[in-house]
Amino acid sequence: MDMPLWAGVFGLVTCMVFLVNAVRELRRGEEGHARNAAMIHVGMVSMFLPFSVVVIITSLV
């Protein structure tokens, strides 16, 4: 029961790190590869974050 919980927590922390870095890059406002990668990371986080929360909730129930 502990492994899914910690996997969900790890996924949640990873999402937060990627989201913070992506938002910082997007606020810089410079064109280029880093901006494109940041936009992709925001999309990936929007899909992976709810999954991590679901894994945490289901492991606690």
C-alpha atoms as a PDB file:
ATOM      1  CA  MET A   1       0.000   0.000   0.000  1.00  0.00           C
ATOM      2  CA  ASP A   2       2.892   2.379   0.609  1.00  0.00           C
ATOM      3  CA  MET A   3       4.459   2.064  -2.838  1.00  0.00           C
ATOM      4  CA  PRO A   4       1.525   3.536  -4.839  1.00  0.00           C
ATOM      5  CA  LEU A   5       1.243   6.368  -2.314  1.00  0.00           C
ATOM      6  CA  TRP A   6       4.907   7.328  -2.643  1.00  0.00           C
ATOM      7  CA  ALA A   7       4.796   6.896  -6.407  1.00  0.00           C
ATOM      8  CA  GLY A   8       1.913   9.378  -6.488  1.00  0.00           C
ATOM      9  CA  VAL A   9       3.784  11.784  -4.218  1.00  0.00           C
ATOM     10  CA  PHE A  10       6.885  11.491  -6.396  1.00  0.00           C
ATOM     11  CA  GLY A  11       4.782  12.204  -9.481  1.00  0.00           C
ATOM     12  CA  LEU A  12       3.175  15.192  -7.776  1.00  0.00           C
ATOM     13  CA  VAL A  13       6.544  16.669  -6.759  1.00  0.00           C
ATOM     14  CA  THR A  14       7.938  16.076 -10.243  1.00  0.00           C
ATOM     15  CA  CYS A  15       4.933  17.843 -11.770  1.00  0.00           C
ATOM     16  CA  MET A  16       5.386  20.822  -9.489  1.00  0.00           C
ATOM     17  CA  VAL A  17       9.076  21.149 -10.371  1.00  0.00           C
ATOM     18  CA  PHE A  18       8.360  21.001 -14.102  1.00  0.00           C
ATOM     19  CA  LEU A  19       5.449  23.437 -13.766  1.00  0.00           C
ATOM     20  CA  VAL A  20       7.460  25.997 -11.803  1.00  0.00           C
ATOM     21  CA  ASN A  21      10.354  25.833 -14.272  1.00  0.00           C
ATOM     22  CA  ALA A  22       8.001  26.068 -17.252  1.00  0.00           C
ATOM     23  CA  VAL A  23       6.170  29.075 -15.838  1.00  0.00           C
ATOM     24  CA  ARG A  24       9.465  30.808 -15.092  1.00  0.00           C
ATOM     25  CA  GLU A  25      10.570  30.228 -18.673  1.00  0.00           C
ATOM     26  CA  LEU A  26       7.269  31.435 -20.121  1.00  0.00           C
ATOM     27  CA  ARG A  27       7.432  34.619 -18.033  1.00  0.00           C
ATOM     28  CA  ARG A  28      10.799  35.463 -19.619  1.00  0.00           C
ATOM     29  CA  GLY A  29       8.982  35.936 -22.907  1.00  0.00           C
ATOM     30  CA  GLU A  30      11.856  35.009 -25.202  1.00  0.00           C
ATOM     31  CA  GLU A  31      11.206  33.021 -28.360  1.00  0.00           C
ATOM     32  CA  GLY A  32      13.032  29.793 -29.046  1.00  0.00           C
ATOM     33  CA  HIS A  33      13.385  26.174 -28.106  1.00  0.00           C
ATOM     34  CA  ALA A  34      13.111  26.749 -24.347  1.00  0.00           C
ATOM     35  CA  ARG A  35       9.741  28.488 -24.765  1.00  0.00           C
ATOM     36  CA  ASN A  36       8.427  25.671 -26.953  1.00  0.00           C
ATOM     37  CA  ALA A  37       9.618  23.077 -24.450  1.00  0.00           C
ATOM     38  CA  ALA A  38       7.980  25.016 -21.605  1.00  0.00           C
ATOM     39  CA  MET A  39       4.653  25.053 -23.444  1.00  0.00           C
ATOM     40  CA  ILE A  40       4.881  21.292 -23.952  1.00  0.00           C
ATOM     41  CA  HIS A  41       5.732  20.775 -20.274  1.00  0.00           C
ATOM     42  CA  VAL A  42       2.663  22.738 -19.189  1.00  0.00           C
ATOM     43  CA  GLY A  43       0.531  20.425 -21.322  1.00  0.00           C
ATOM     44  CA  MET A  44       2.221  17.340 -19.915  1.00  0.00           C
ATOM     45  CA  VAL A  45       1.735  18.542 -16.349  1.00  0.00           C
ATOM     46  CA  SER A  46      -1.947  19.197 -17.000  1.00  0.00           C
ATOM     47  CA  MET A  47      -2.341  15.517 -17.884  1.00  0.00           C
ATOM     48  CA  PHE A  48       0.001  13.959 -15.312  1.00  0.00           C
ATOM     49  CA  LEU A  49      -0.961  16.033 -12.255  1.00  0.00           C
ATOM     50  CA  PRO A  50      -4.562  14.730 -11.991  1.00  0.00           C
ATOM     51  CA  PHE A  51      -3.298  11.179 -12.475  1.00  0.00           C
ATOM     52  CA  SER A  52      -0.872  11.591  -9.563  1.00  0.00           C
ATOM     53  CA  VAL A  53      -3.666  12.927  -7.355  1.00  0.00           C
ATOM     54  CA  VAL A  54      -5.901   9.988  -8.297  1.00  0.00           C
ATOM     55  CA  VAL A  55      -3.133   7.527  -7.428  1.00  0.00           C
ATOM     56  CA  ILE A  56      -2.657   9.179  -4.032  1.00  0.00           C
ATOM     57  CA  ILE A  57      -6.386   9.180  -3.285  1.00  0.00           C
ATOM     58  CA  THR A  58      -6.910   5.566  -4.340  1.00  0.00           C
ATOM     59  CA  SER A  59      -3.938   4.384  -2.281  1.00  0.00           C
ATOM     60  CA  LEU A  60      -5.377   6.064   0.821  1.00  0.00           C
ATOM     61  CA  VAL A  61      -8.853   4.579   0.412  1.00  0.00           C
END
